[in-house]
């Protein structure tokens, strides 16, 4: 049996922006540059512009990025990364891929493109403030500002920003500005500690990215079963499952694993092995974790789970001690 479900820690109180300490003064209307006008950067830049800020420059070299700048940031000049950093007198929004972020920030700092007092904010969920150390070393103010949303890079995204959460990591003196920026974007700040950024991002990737894989796996297996429109079959089922899971937690569990139907699960595995062996490992891993959660939440009695865990590769001894 896989690791048992650990008790959930009490939800921490939301951190508020500190009222004491040094106060930094920023103009109400910020002069902003967008470094990396991809799907995220261009949309956030457009949202800041809609909130009244001056987005004066953006960088992009591909045809798609240039078109995105023209569509979403029509008042921003398309410039080089260094020129964008120079133009962004108040806020430089760095929206480049995670693995490129450190090199981009270091390069800007080394070439003198950053200035003391300038806010350098990145949109990576995986990184906190550490990756901005070269910027901080030359006097810039570091901020991690990650929107918990998927983006298409089109105007449709602007309407979807309302009410979303932003994973924010900021020095204490920058929290008031961070809270204001998130409010201007129509969102809600979630204050994430520096050491917790990898776990925060892992949770989002596990939930969103793996959900896409899971949905497409289910659609492929329905096609294998002869279903002509798997999306039509899945849509109401998956929407209800997602809504119930968000509302009810583990009480939303249904299906053969939560009932301990070992025979049904065995037939699933046999058919998957014959038709789509590449799906067996993922099914087993998720079924085992589902059994853990069903047992821990009281929806499945350990004794009733014994035959199921035998099918999934567990043992009766493990079940009795769950």
C-alpha atoms as a PDB file:
ATOM      1  CA  UNK A   1       0.000   0.000   0.000  1.00  0.00           C
ATOM      2  CA  UNK A   2       1.256   3.505  -0.715  1.00  0.00           C
ATOM      3  CA  UNK A   3       1.810   6.047   2.021  1.00  0.00           C
ATOM      4  CA  UNK A   4      -1.297   6.665   4.144  1.00  0.00           C
ATOM      5  CA  UNK A   5      -3.086   9.946   3.955  1.00  0.00           C
ATOM      6  CA  UNK A   6      -1.635  12.332   6.498  1.00  0.00           C
ATOM      7  CA  UNK A   7      -3.942  14.477   8.626  1.00  0.00           C
ATOM      8  CA  UNK A   8      -4.522  17.818   6.991  1.00  0.00           C
ATOM      9  CA  UNK A   9      -2.771  20.699   8.761  1.00  0.00           C
ATOM     10  CA  UNK A  10      -4.952  23.524   9.903  1.00  0.00           C
ATOM     11  CA  UNK A  11      -5.244  26.157   7.216  1.00  0.00           C
ATOM     12  CA  UNK A  12      -2.992  29.095   8.097  1.00  0.00           C
ATOM     13  CA  UNK A  13      -4.549  32.479   8.457  1.00  0.00           C
ATOM     14  CA  UNK A  14      -4.003  34.623   5.399  1.00  0.00           C
ATOM     15  CA  UNK A  15      -1.070  36.911   5.910  1.00  0.00           C
ATOM     16  CA  UNK A  16      -1.884  40.578   5.682  1.00  0.00           C
ATOM     17  CA  UNK A  17       0.388  43.270   4.414  1.00  0.00           C
ATOM     18  CA  UNK A  18       2.381  44.572   7.406  1.00  0.00           C
ATOM     19  CA  UNK A  19       1.389  47.947   8.718  1.00  0.00           C
ATOM     20  CA  UNK A  20       4.638  48.719  10.508  1.00  0.00           C
ATOM     21  CA  UNK A  21       8.219  49.086   9.321  1.00  0.00           C
ATOM     22  CA  UNK A  22       9.619  51.030   6.434  1.00  0.00           C
ATOM     23  CA  UNK A  23       7.110  52.358   3.935  1.00  0.00           C
ATOM     24  CA  UNK A  24       8.038  52.542   0.275  1.00  0.00           C
ATOM     25  CA  UNK A  25       6.418  55.166  -1.884  1.00  0.00           C
ATOM     26  CA  UNK A  26       5.336  54.324  -5.427  1.00  0.00           C
ATOM     27  CA  UNK A  27       3.334  56.415  -7.874  1.00  0.00           C
ATOM     28  CA  UNK A  28      -0.278  55.439  -8.353  1.00  0.00           C
ATOM     29  CA  UNK A  29       0.329  55.047 -12.073  1.00  0.00           C
ATOM     30  CA  UNK A  30       3.361  52.847 -12.665  1.00  0.00           C
ATOM     31  CA  UNK A  31       5.556  52.867 -15.738  1.00  0.00           C
ATOM     32  CA  UNK A  32       5.778  49.211 -16.722  1.00  0.00           C
ATOM     33  CA  UNK A  33       7.821  47.086 -19.089  1.00  0.00           C
ATOM     34  CA  UNK A  34       6.988  43.492 -20.020  1.00  0.00           C
ATOM     35  CA  UNK A  35       9.986  41.273 -20.605  1.00  0.00           C
ATOM     36  CA  UNK A  36       8.657  38.226 -22.421  1.00  0.00           C
ATOM     37  CA  UNK A  37       5.314  39.047 -24.021  1.00  0.00           C
ATOM     38  CA  UNK A  38       4.196  35.444 -24.207  1.00  0.00           C
ATOM     39  CA  UNK A  39       0.780  34.200 -23.182  1.00  0.00           C
ATOM     40  CA  UNK A  40       1.182  35.257 -19.546  1.00  0.00           C
ATOM     41  CA  UNK A  41       3.230  38.432 -19.894  1.00  0.00           C
ATOM     42  CA  UNK A  42       1.127  40.010 -22.618  1.00  0.00           C
ATOM     43  CA  UNK A  43      -2.146  39.326 -20.812  1.00  0.00           C
ATOM     44  CA  UNK A  44      -0.921  40.620 -17.444  1.00  0.00           C
ATOM     45  CA  UNK A  45       0.536  43.662 -19.174  1.00  0.00           C
ATOM     46  CA  UNK A  46      -2.814  44.313 -20.836  1.00  0.00           C
ATOM     47  CA  UNK A  47      -4.583  43.935 -17.485  1.00  0.00           C
ATOM     48  CA  UNK A  48      -2.202  46.425 -15.856  1.00  0.00           C
ATOM     49  CA  UNK A  49      -2.806  48.849 -18.715  1.00  0.00           C
ATOM     50  CA  UNK A  50      -6.561  48.443 -18.269  1.00  0.00           C
ATOM     51  CA  UNK A  51      -6.080  49.294 -14.587  1.00  0.00           C
ATOM     52  CA  UNK A  52      -4.490  52.606 -15.595  1.00  0.00           C
ATOM     53  CA  UNK A  53      -0.774  51.833 -15.566  1.00  0.00           C
ATOM     54  CA  UNK A  54       1.528  52.851 -18.445  1.00  0.00           C
ATOM     55  CA  UNK A  55       2.899  49.794 -20.218  1.00  0.00           C
ATOM     56  CA  UNK A  56       5.534  51.469 -22.360  1.00  0.00           C
ATOM     57  CA  UNK A  57       7.618  48.610 -23.752  1.00  0.00           C
ATOM     58  CA  UNK A  58       7.551  44.863 -24.321  1.00  0.00           C
ATOM     59  CA  UNK A  59       9.952  42.337 -25.798  1.00  0.00           C
ATOM     60  CA  UNK A  60       9.207  39.723 -28.422  1.00  0.00           C
ATOM     61  CA  UNK A  61      10.947  38.374 -31.487  1.00  0.00           C
ATOM     62  CA  UNK A  62       8.713  35.606 -32.820  1.00  0.00           C
ATOM     63  CA  UNK A  63       5.879  36.352 -35.192  1.00  0.00           C
ATOM     64  CA  UNK A  64       3.333  35.149 -32.633  1.00  0.00           C
ATOM     65  CA  UNK A  65       4.773  37.361 -29.901  1.00  0.00           C
ATOM     66  CA  UNK A  66       4.888  40.425 -32.133  1.00  0.00           C
ATOM     67  CA  UNK A  67       1.256  39.857 -33.071  1.00  0.00           C
ATOM     68  CA  UNK A  68       0.350  39.458 -29.397  1.00  0.00           C
ATOM     69  CA  UNK A  69       2.040  42.746 -28.513  1.00  0.00           C
ATOM     70  CA  UNK A  70       0.212  44.509 -31.325  1.00  0.00           C
ATOM     71  CA  UNK A  71      -3.129  43.080 -30.195  1.00  0.00           C
ATOM     72  CA  UNK A  72      -2.878  43.251 -26.407  1.00  0.00           C
ATOM     73  CA  UNK A  73      -0.283  45.989 -25.848  1.00  0.00           C
ATOM     74  CA  UNK A  74      -0.836  48.429 -28.721  1.00  0.00           C
ATOM     75  CA  UNK A  75       0.743  51.351 -26.841  1.00  0.00           C
ATOM     76  CA  UNK A  76       3.913  49.440 -25.948  1.00  0.00           C
ATOM     77  CA  UNK A  77       7.016  49.680 -28.121  1.00  0.00           C
ATOM     78  CA  UNK A  78       8.502  46.327 -29.142  1.00  0.00           C
ATOM     79  CA  UNK A  79      12.084  46.586 -27.906  1.00  0.00           C
ATOM     80  CA  UNK A  80      15.037  44.450 -26.874  1.00  0.00           C
ATOM     81  CA  UNK A  81      15.177  43.033 -23.349  1.00  0.00           C
ATOM     82  CA  UNK A  82      17.725  45.630 -22.255  1.00  0.00           C
ATOM     83  CA  UNK A  83      15.683  48.492 -23.684  1.00  0.00           C
ATOM     84  CA  UNK A  84      12.526  47.207 -21.982  1.00  0.00           C
ATOM     85  CA  UNK A  85      14.346  47.102 -18.641  1.00  0.00           C
ATOM     86  CA  UNK A  86      15.572  50.682 -19.123  1.00  0.00           C
ATOM     87  CA  UNK A  87      12.077  51.894 -20.066  1.00  0.00           C
ATOM     88  CA  UNK A  88      10.386  50.227 -17.073  1.00  0.00           C
ATOM     89  CA  UNK A  89      11.206  52.923 -14.548  1.00  0.00           C
ATOM     90  CA  UNK A  90       8.810  51.572 -11.906  1.00  0.00           C
ATOM     91  CA  UNK A  91       8.003  47.926 -12.674  1.00  0.00           C
ATOM     92  CA  UNK A  92       9.693  45.346 -14.868  1.00  0.00           C
ATOM     93  CA  UNK A  93       7.450  42.294 -15.334  1.00  0.00           C
ATOM     94  CA  UNK A  94       9.609  39.309 -16.276  1.00  0.00           C
ATOM     95  CA  UNK A  95       7.477  36.563 -17.819  1.00  0.00           C
ATOM     96  CA  UNK A  96       9.984  34.136 -19.305  1.00  0.00           C
ATOM     97  CA  UNK A  97      10.113  30.309 -18.946  1.00  0.00           C
ATOM     98  CA  UNK A  98      11.213  29.030 -15.533  1.00  0.00           C
ATOM     99  CA  UNK A  99      14.498  27.574 -16.741  1.00  0.00           C
ATOM    100  CA  UNK A 100      15.472  30.819 -18.459  1.00  0.00           C
ATOM    101  CA  UNK A 101      14.620  33.151 -15.600  1.00  0.00           C
ATOM    102  CA  UNK A 102      17.904  33.016 -13.675  1.00  0.00           C
ATOM    103  CA  UNK A 103      20.036  33.709 -16.747  1.00  0.00           C
ATOM    104  CA  UNK A 104      17.793  36.560 -17.906  1.00  0.00           C
ATOM    105  CA  UNK A 105      17.872  38.296 -14.520  1.00  0.00           C
ATOM    106  CA  UNK A 106      21.632  37.801 -14.147  1.00  0.00           C
ATOM    107  CA  UNK A 107      22.223  39.158 -17.644  1.00  0.00           C
ATOM    108  CA  UNK A 108      20.174  42.283 -16.996  1.00  0.00           C
ATOM    109  CA  UNK A 109      22.011  42.941 -13.741  1.00  0.00           C
ATOM    110  CA  UNK A 110      25.444  42.417 -15.316  1.00  0.00           C
ATOM    111  CA  UNK A 111      24.755  44.797 -18.194  1.00  0.00           C
ATOM    112  CA  UNK A 112      23.489  47.576 -15.938  1.00  0.00           C
ATOM    113  CA  UNK A 113      19.947  47.432 -17.323  1.00  0.00           C
ATOM    114  CA  UNK A 114      18.400  47.447 -13.827  1.00  0.00           C
ATOM    115  CA  UNK A 115      18.354  50.393 -11.460  1.00  0.00           C
ATOM    116  CA  UNK A 116      18.012  50.868  -7.677  1.00  0.00           C
ATOM    117  CA  UNK A 117      14.407  51.137  -6.529  1.00  0.00           C
ATOM    118  CA  UNK A 118      12.964  49.528  -9.667  1.00  0.00           C
ATOM    119  CA  UNK A 119      10.596  46.632  -8.904  1.00  0.00           C
ATOM    120  CA  UNK A 120      11.524  43.463 -10.776  1.00  0.00           C
ATOM    121  CA  UNK A 121       8.621  41.008 -10.617  1.00  0.00           C
ATOM    122  CA  UNK A 122       8.629  37.567 -12.179  1.00  0.00           C
ATOM    123  CA  UNK A 123       5.570  35.433 -12.906  1.00  0.00           C
ATOM    124  CA  UNK A 124       7.072  31.994 -12.243  1.00  0.00           C
ATOM    125  CA  UNK A 125       5.249  29.725  -9.830  1.00  0.00           C
ATOM    126  CA  UNK A 126       8.312  27.569  -9.215  1.00  0.00           C
ATOM    127  CA  UNK A 127      10.646  30.375  -8.138  1.00  0.00           C
ATOM    128  CA  UNK A 128      10.585  32.779  -5.239  1.00  0.00           C
ATOM    129  CA  UNK A 129      12.886  35.696  -4.519  1.00  0.00           C
ATOM    130  CA  UNK A 130      16.162  33.788  -4.659  1.00  0.00           C
ATOM    131  CA  UNK A 131      16.258  33.793  -8.444  1.00  0.00           C
ATOM    132  CA  UNK A 132      16.092  37.605  -8.329  1.00  0.00           C
ATOM    133  CA  UNK A 133      19.189  37.917  -6.131  1.00  0.00           C
ATOM    134  CA  UNK A 134      21.273  39.521  -8.934  1.00  0.00           C
ATOM    135  CA  UNK A 135      18.598  42.205  -9.320  1.00  0.00           C
ATOM    136  CA  UNK A 136      18.445  42.806  -5.574  1.00  0.00           C
ATOM    137  CA  UNK A 137      22.249  43.067  -5.484  1.00  0.00           C
ATOM    138  CA  UNK A 138      22.119  46.155  -7.716  1.00  0.00           C
ATOM    139  CA  UNK A 139      19.334  47.757  -5.681  1.00  0.00           C
ATOM    140  CA  UNK A 140      16.234  46.584  -7.528  1.00  0.00           C
ATOM    141  CA  UNK A 141      13.308  45.342  -5.442  1.00  0.00           C
ATOM    142  CA  UNK A 142      12.377  41.658  -5.984  1.00  0.00           C
ATOM    143  CA  UNK A 143       8.823  40.333  -6.232  1.00  0.00           C
ATOM    144  CA  UNK A 144       7.386  36.926  -7.173  1.00  0.00           C
ATOM    145  CA  UNK A 145       3.880  37.287  -8.602  1.00  0.00           C
ATOM    146  CA  UNK A 146       2.401  34.082 -10.033  1.00  0.00           C
ATOM    147  CA  UNK A 147      -1.151  33.946 -11.424  1.00  0.00           C
ATOM    148  CA  UNK A 148      -2.791  30.599 -10.667  1.00  0.00           C
ATOM    149  CA  UNK A 149      -4.408  30.366 -14.082  1.00  0.00           C
ATOM    150  CA  UNK A 150      -3.767  28.877 -17.508  1.00  0.00           C
ATOM    151  CA  UNK A 151      -3.456  31.355 -20.370  1.00  0.00           C
ATOM    152  CA  UNK A 152      -4.204  31.315 -24.086  1.00  0.00           C
ATOM    153  CA  UNK A 153      -2.565  34.672 -24.747  1.00  0.00           C
ATOM    154  CA  UNK A 154      -5.759  36.129 -26.213  1.00  0.00           C
ATOM    155  CA  UNK A 155      -8.130  38.894 -25.084  1.00  0.00           C
ATOM    156  CA  UNK A 156     -10.442  36.187 -23.716  1.00  0.00           C
ATOM    157  CA  UNK A 157      -7.982  35.714 -20.847  1.00  0.00           C
ATOM    158  CA  UNK A 158      -8.639  39.215 -19.525  1.00  0.00           C
ATOM    159  CA  UNK A 159     -12.170  38.332 -18.479  1.00  0.00           C
ATOM    160  CA  UNK A 160     -10.940  35.182 -16.745  1.00  0.00           C
ATOM    161  CA  UNK A 161      -8.550  37.061 -14.444  1.00  0.00           C
ATOM    162  CA  UNK A 162     -11.321  38.309 -12.163  1.00  0.00           C
ATOM    163  CA  UNK A 163     -11.057  36.676  -8.760  1.00  0.00           C
ATOM    164  CA  UNK A 164      -8.108  34.374  -9.458  1.00  0.00           C
ATOM    165  CA  UNK A 165      -5.378  33.835  -6.876  1.00  0.00           C
ATOM    166  CA  UNK A 166      -1.780  35.009  -7.163  1.00  0.00           C
ATOM    167  CA  UNK A 167       1.005  33.222  -5.339  1.00  0.00           C
ATOM    168  CA  UNK A 168       2.979  36.164  -3.972  1.00  0.00           C
ATOM    169  CA  UNK A 169       6.381  36.155  -2.297  1.00  0.00           C
ATOM    170  CA  UNK A 170       7.650  39.596  -1.359  1.00  0.00           C
ATOM    171  CA  UNK A 171       9.903  41.367   1.124  1.00  0.00           C
ATOM    172  CA  UNK A 172       7.883  42.890   3.944  1.00  0.00           C
ATOM    173  CA  UNK A 173       8.374  46.443   2.690  1.00  0.00           C
ATOM    174  CA  UNK A 174       7.033  45.498  -0.752  1.00  0.00           C
ATOM    175  CA  UNK A 175       3.883  43.709   0.376  1.00  0.00           C
ATOM    176  CA  UNK A 176       1.626  46.776   0.184  1.00  0.00           C
ATOM    177  CA  UNK A 177       2.627  47.326  -3.443  1.00  0.00           C
ATOM    178  CA  UNK A 178       2.227  43.623  -4.219  1.00  0.00           C
ATOM    179  CA  UNK A 179      -1.272  43.641  -2.734  1.00  0.00           C
ATOM    180  CA  UNK A 180      -2.130  46.728  -4.789  1.00  0.00           C
ATOM    181  CA  UNK A 181      -0.864  45.159  -8.011  1.00  0.00           C
ATOM    182  CA  UNK A 182      -2.891  42.012  -7.411  1.00  0.00           C
ATOM    183  CA  UNK A 183      -5.970  44.117  -6.709  1.00  0.00           C
ATOM    184  CA  UNK A 184      -5.368  46.086  -9.910  1.00  0.00           C
ATOM    185  CA  UNK A 185      -5.252  42.772 -11.763  1.00  0.00           C
ATOM    186  CA  UNK A 186      -8.596  41.814 -10.203  1.00  0.00           C
ATOM    187  CA  UNK A 187      -7.087  39.012  -8.150  1.00  0.00           C
ATOM    188  CA  UNK A 188      -6.536  37.836  -4.587  1.00  0.00           C
ATOM    189  CA  UNK A 189      -3.049  37.465  -3.054  1.00  0.00           C
ATOM    190  CA  UNK A 190      -1.943  34.223  -1.446  1.00  0.00           C
ATOM    191  CA  UNK A 191       1.254  34.908   0.494  1.00  0.00           C
ATOM    192  CA  UNK A 192       3.670  32.028  -0.084  1.00  0.00           C
ATOM    193  CA  UNK A 193       6.911  31.650   1.864  1.00  0.00           C
ATOM    194  CA  UNK A 194      10.172  31.427  -0.053  1.00  0.00           C
ATOM    195  CA  UNK A 195      10.824  27.836   1.053  1.00  0.00           C
ATOM    196  CA  UNK A 196       7.266  26.827   0.117  1.00  0.00           C
ATOM    197  CA  UNK A 197       7.401  27.944  -3.531  1.00  0.00           C
ATOM    198  CA  UNK A 198       8.367  24.485  -4.905  1.00  0.00           C
ATOM    199  CA  UNK A 199       5.528  22.805  -2.976  1.00  0.00           C
ATOM    200  CA  UNK A 200       3.068  25.509  -4.037  1.00  0.00           C
ATOM    201  CA  UNK A 201       4.026  25.051  -7.674  1.00  0.00           C
ATOM    202  CA  UNK A 202       4.051  21.238  -7.447  1.00  0.00           C
ATOM    203  CA  UNK A 203       0.483  21.337  -6.146  1.00  0.00           C
ATOM    204  CA  UNK A 204      -0.683  23.497  -9.033  1.00  0.00           C
ATOM    205  CA  UNK A 205       1.141  21.423 -11.645  1.00  0.00           C
ATOM    206  CA  UNK A 206      -0.157  18.189 -10.117  1.00  0.00           C
ATOM    207  CA  UNK A 207      -3.709  19.496 -10.196  1.00  0.00           C
ATOM    208  CA  UNK A 208      -3.820  21.335 -13.525  1.00  0.00           C
ATOM    209  CA  UNK A 209      -1.204  19.783 -15.807  1.00  0.00           C
ATOM    210  CA  UNK A 210      -1.844  16.216 -14.743  1.00  0.00           C
ATOM    211  CA  UNK A 211      -5.578  16.802 -15.033  1.00  0.00           C
ATOM    212  CA  UNK A 212      -5.107  17.519 -18.739  1.00  0.00           C
ATOM    213  CA  UNK A 213      -3.160  14.274 -19.121  1.00  0.00           C
ATOM    214  CA  UNK A 214      -5.777  12.340 -17.160  1.00  0.00           C
ATOM    215  CA  UNK A 215      -8.659  13.715 -19.241  1.00  0.00           C
ATOM    216  CA  UNK A 216      -6.900  12.889 -22.497  1.00  0.00           C
ATOM    217  CA  UNK A 217      -6.037   9.402 -21.248  1.00  0.00           C
ATOM    218  CA  UNK A 218      -9.706   8.826 -20.455  1.00  0.00           C
ATOM    219  CA  UNK A 219     -10.716  10.145 -23.889  1.00  0.00           C
ATOM    220  CA  UNK A 220      -8.225   7.844 -25.618  1.00  0.00           C
ATOM    221  CA  UNK A 221      -9.473   4.792 -23.758  1.00  0.00           C
ATOM    222  CA  UNK A 222     -13.072   5.668 -24.692  1.00  0.00           C
ATOM    223  CA  UNK A 223     -11.998   5.835 -28.339  1.00  0.00           C
ATOM    224  CA  UNK A 224     -10.407   2.401 -27.885  1.00  0.00           C
ATOM    225  CA  UNK A 225     -13.791   1.223 -26.602  1.00  0.00           C
ATOM    226  CA  UNK A 226     -15.485   2.480 -29.760  1.00  0.00           C
ATOM    227  CA  UNK A 227     -16.919   5.735 -28.428  1.00  0.00           C
ATOM    228  CA  UNK A 228     -17.060   8.243 -31.273  1.00  0.00           C
ATOM    229  CA  UNK A 229     -17.333  11.432 -29.205  1.00  0.00           C
ATOM    230  CA  UNK A 230     -15.518  10.863 -25.923  1.00  0.00           C
ATOM    231  CA  UNK A 231     -15.565  14.546 -25.025  1.00  0.00           C
ATOM    232  CA  UNK A 232     -19.379  14.477 -25.086  1.00  0.00           C
ATOM    233  CA  UNK A 233     -19.410  11.505 -22.710  1.00  0.00           C
ATOM    234  CA  UNK A 234     -16.777  12.943 -20.382  1.00  0.00           C
ATOM    235  CA  UNK A 235     -17.855  16.579 -20.151  1.00  0.00           C
ATOM    236  CA  UNK A 236     -20.799  16.316 -17.713  1.00  0.00           C
ATOM    237  CA  UNK A 237     -19.115  13.583 -15.687  1.00  0.00           C
ATOM    238  CA  UNK A 238     -15.817  15.422 -15.257  1.00  0.00           C
ATOM    239  CA  UNK A 239     -17.427  18.787 -14.590  1.00  0.00           C
ATOM    240  CA  UNK A 240     -19.530  17.260 -11.810  1.00  0.00           C
ATOM    241  CA  UNK A 241     -16.523  15.388 -10.383  1.00  0.00           C
ATOM    242  CA  UNK A 242     -14.401  18.544 -10.311  1.00  0.00           C
ATOM    243  CA  UNK A 243     -17.108  20.674  -8.752  1.00  0.00           C
ATOM    244  CA  UNK A 244     -17.837  18.012  -6.136  1.00  0.00           C
ATOM    245  CA  UNK A 245     -14.158  17.520  -5.314  1.00  0.00           C
ATOM    246  CA  UNK A 246     -13.617  21.248  -4.799  1.00  0.00           C
ATOM    247  CA  UNK A 247     -16.743  21.503  -2.666  1.00  0.00           C
ATOM    248  CA  UNK A 248     -16.684  18.225  -0.742  1.00  0.00           C
ATOM    249  CA  UNK A 249     -13.063  17.075  -0.699  1.00  0.00           C
ATOM    250  CA  UNK A 250     -12.687  13.313  -0.215  1.00  0.00           C
ATOM    251  CA  UNK A 251     -16.437  12.981   0.346  1.00  0.00           C
ATOM    252  CA  UNK A 252     -16.766  13.391  -3.436  1.00  0.00           C
ATOM    253  CA  UNK A 253     -15.082  10.026  -4.056  1.00  0.00           C
ATOM    254  CA  UNK A 254     -17.215   7.547  -5.988  1.00  0.00           C
ATOM    255  CA  UNK A 255     -16.531   4.530  -8.153  1.00  0.00           C
ATOM    256  CA  UNK A 256     -15.165   1.009  -7.737  1.00  0.00           C
ATOM    257  CA  UNK A 257     -12.079   1.887  -5.700  1.00  0.00           C
ATOM    258  CA  UNK A 258     -14.041   3.846  -3.112  1.00  0.00           C
ATOM    259  CA  UNK A 259     -16.453   0.884  -2.850  1.00  0.00           C
ATOM    260  CA  UNK A 260     -13.710  -1.732  -2.675  1.00  0.00           C
ATOM    261  CA  UNK A 261     -14.911  -3.481  -5.866  1.00  0.00           C
ATOM    262  CA  UNK A 262     -11.814  -5.589  -6.424  1.00  0.00           C
ATOM    263  CA  UNK A 263     -13.322  -7.641  -9.242  1.00  0.00           C
ATOM    264  CA  UNK A 264     -14.195  -4.587 -11.284  1.00  0.00           C
ATOM    265  CA  UNK A 265     -10.749  -3.083 -10.814  1.00  0.00           C
ATOM    266  CA  UNK A 266      -9.120  -6.378 -11.801  1.00  0.00           C
ATOM    267  CA  UNK A 267     -11.091  -6.401 -15.046  1.00  0.00           C
ATOM    268  CA  UNK A 268     -10.073  -2.803 -15.686  1.00  0.00           C
ATOM    269  CA  UNK A 269      -6.412  -3.706 -15.341  1.00  0.00           C
ATOM    270  CA  UNK A 270      -6.688  -6.813 -17.506  1.00  0.00           C
ATOM    271  CA  UNK A 271      -8.338  -4.910 -20.326  1.00  0.00           C
ATOM    272  CA  UNK A 272      -5.940  -1.972 -20.043  1.00  0.00           C
ATOM    273  CA  UNK A 273      -2.965  -4.331 -20.179  1.00  0.00           C
ATOM    274  CA  UNK A 274      -4.300  -5.828 -23.387  1.00  0.00           C
ATOM    275  CA  UNK A 275      -5.373  -2.587 -25.060  1.00  0.00           C
ATOM    276  CA  UNK A 276      -3.229   0.239 -23.678  1.00  0.00           C
ATOM    277  CA  UNK A 277      -0.407  -1.123 -21.509  1.00  0.00           C
ATOM    278  CA  UNK A 278       1.113   2.353 -21.280  1.00  0.00           C
ATOM    279  CA  UNK A 279      -1.880   3.377 -19.138  1.00  0.00           C
ATOM    280  CA  UNK A 280      -1.584   0.606 -16.550  1.00  0.00           C
ATOM    281  CA  UNK A 281       1.057   2.228 -14.331  1.00  0.00           C
ATOM    282  CA  UNK A 282      -0.842   5.508 -14.090  1.00  0.00           C
ATOM    283  CA  UNK A 283      -4.115   3.712 -13.330  1.00  0.00           C
ATOM    284  CA  UNK A 284      -2.446   1.665 -10.576  1.00  0.00           C
ATOM    285  CA  UNK A 285      -0.779   4.676  -8.976  1.00  0.00           C
ATOM    286  CA  UNK A 286      -3.968   6.735  -8.916  1.00  0.00           C
ATOM    287  CA  UNK A 287      -6.103   3.800  -7.768  1.00  0.00           C
ATOM    288  CA  UNK A 288      -3.748   3.110  -4.861  1.00  0.00           C
ATOM    289  CA  UNK A 289      -3.771   6.734  -3.808  1.00  0.00           C
ATOM    290  CA  UNK A 290      -7.560   6.839  -4.161  1.00  0.00           C
ATOM    291  CA  UNK A 291      -7.804   3.783  -1.890  1.00  0.00           C
ATOM    292  CA  UNK A 292      -5.570   5.498   0.678  1.00  0.00           C
ATOM    293  CA  UNK A 293      -7.780   8.556   0.705  1.00  0.00           C
ATOM    294  CA  UNK A 294     -10.994   6.514   0.801  1.00  0.00           C
ATOM    295  CA  UNK A 295      -9.711   4.561   3.815  1.00  0.00           C
ATOM    296  CA  UNK A 296      -8.388   7.634   5.640  1.00  0.00           C
ATOM    297  CA  UNK A 297     -11.644   9.541   5.131  1.00  0.00           C
ATOM    298  CA  UNK A 298     -13.739   6.611   6.350  1.00  0.00           C
ATOM    299  CA  UNK A 299     -15.457   5.964   3.039  1.00  0.00           C
ATOM    300  CA  UNK A 300     -13.824   2.540   2.714  1.00  0.00           C
ATOM    301  CA  UNK A 301     -13.279   0.240   5.694  1.00  0.00           C
ATOM    302  CA  UNK A 302      -9.770  -1.259   5.834  1.00  0.00           C
ATOM    303  CA  UNK A 303     -11.187  -4.781   6.032  1.00  0.00           C
ATOM    304  CA  UNK A 304     -13.291  -4.214   2.906  1.00  0.00           C
ATOM    305  CA  UNK A 305     -10.262  -2.775   1.121  1.00  0.00           C
ATOM    306  CA  UNK A 306      -8.134  -5.911   1.554  1.00  0.00           C
ATOM    307  CA  UNK A 307      -9.147  -7.692  -1.699  1.00  0.00           C
ATOM    308  CA  UNK A 308      -8.846  -4.428  -3.607  1.00  0.00           C
ATOM    309  CA  UNK A 309      -5.327  -3.761  -2.334  1.00  0.00           C
ATOM    310  CA  UNK A 310      -4.356  -7.303  -3.256  1.00  0.00           C
ATOM    311  CA  UNK A 311      -5.356  -6.481  -6.833  1.00  0.00           C
ATOM    312  CA  UNK A 312      -3.482  -3.191  -6.690  1.00  0.00           C
ATOM    313  CA  UNK A 313      -0.347  -4.852  -5.363  1.00  0.00           C
ATOM    314  CA  UNK A 314      -0.894  -4.296  -1.633  1.00  0.00           C
ATOM    315  CA  UNK A 315      -1.190  -6.947   1.076  1.00  0.00           C
ATOM    316  CA  UNK A 316      -3.822  -7.773   3.640  1.00  0.00           C
ATOM    317  CA  UNK A 317      -1.275  -7.165   6.392  1.00  0.00           C
ATOM    318  CA  UNK A 318      -0.773  -3.589   5.185  1.00  0.00           C
ATOM    319  CA  UNK A 319      -4.543  -3.029   5.166  1.00  0.00           C
ATOM    320  CA  UNK A 320      -5.011  -4.240   8.753  1.00  0.00           C
ATOM    321  CA  UNK A 321      -2.389  -1.717   9.887  1.00  0.00           C
ATOM    322  CA  UNK A 322      -3.618   1.188   7.729  1.00  0.00           C
END
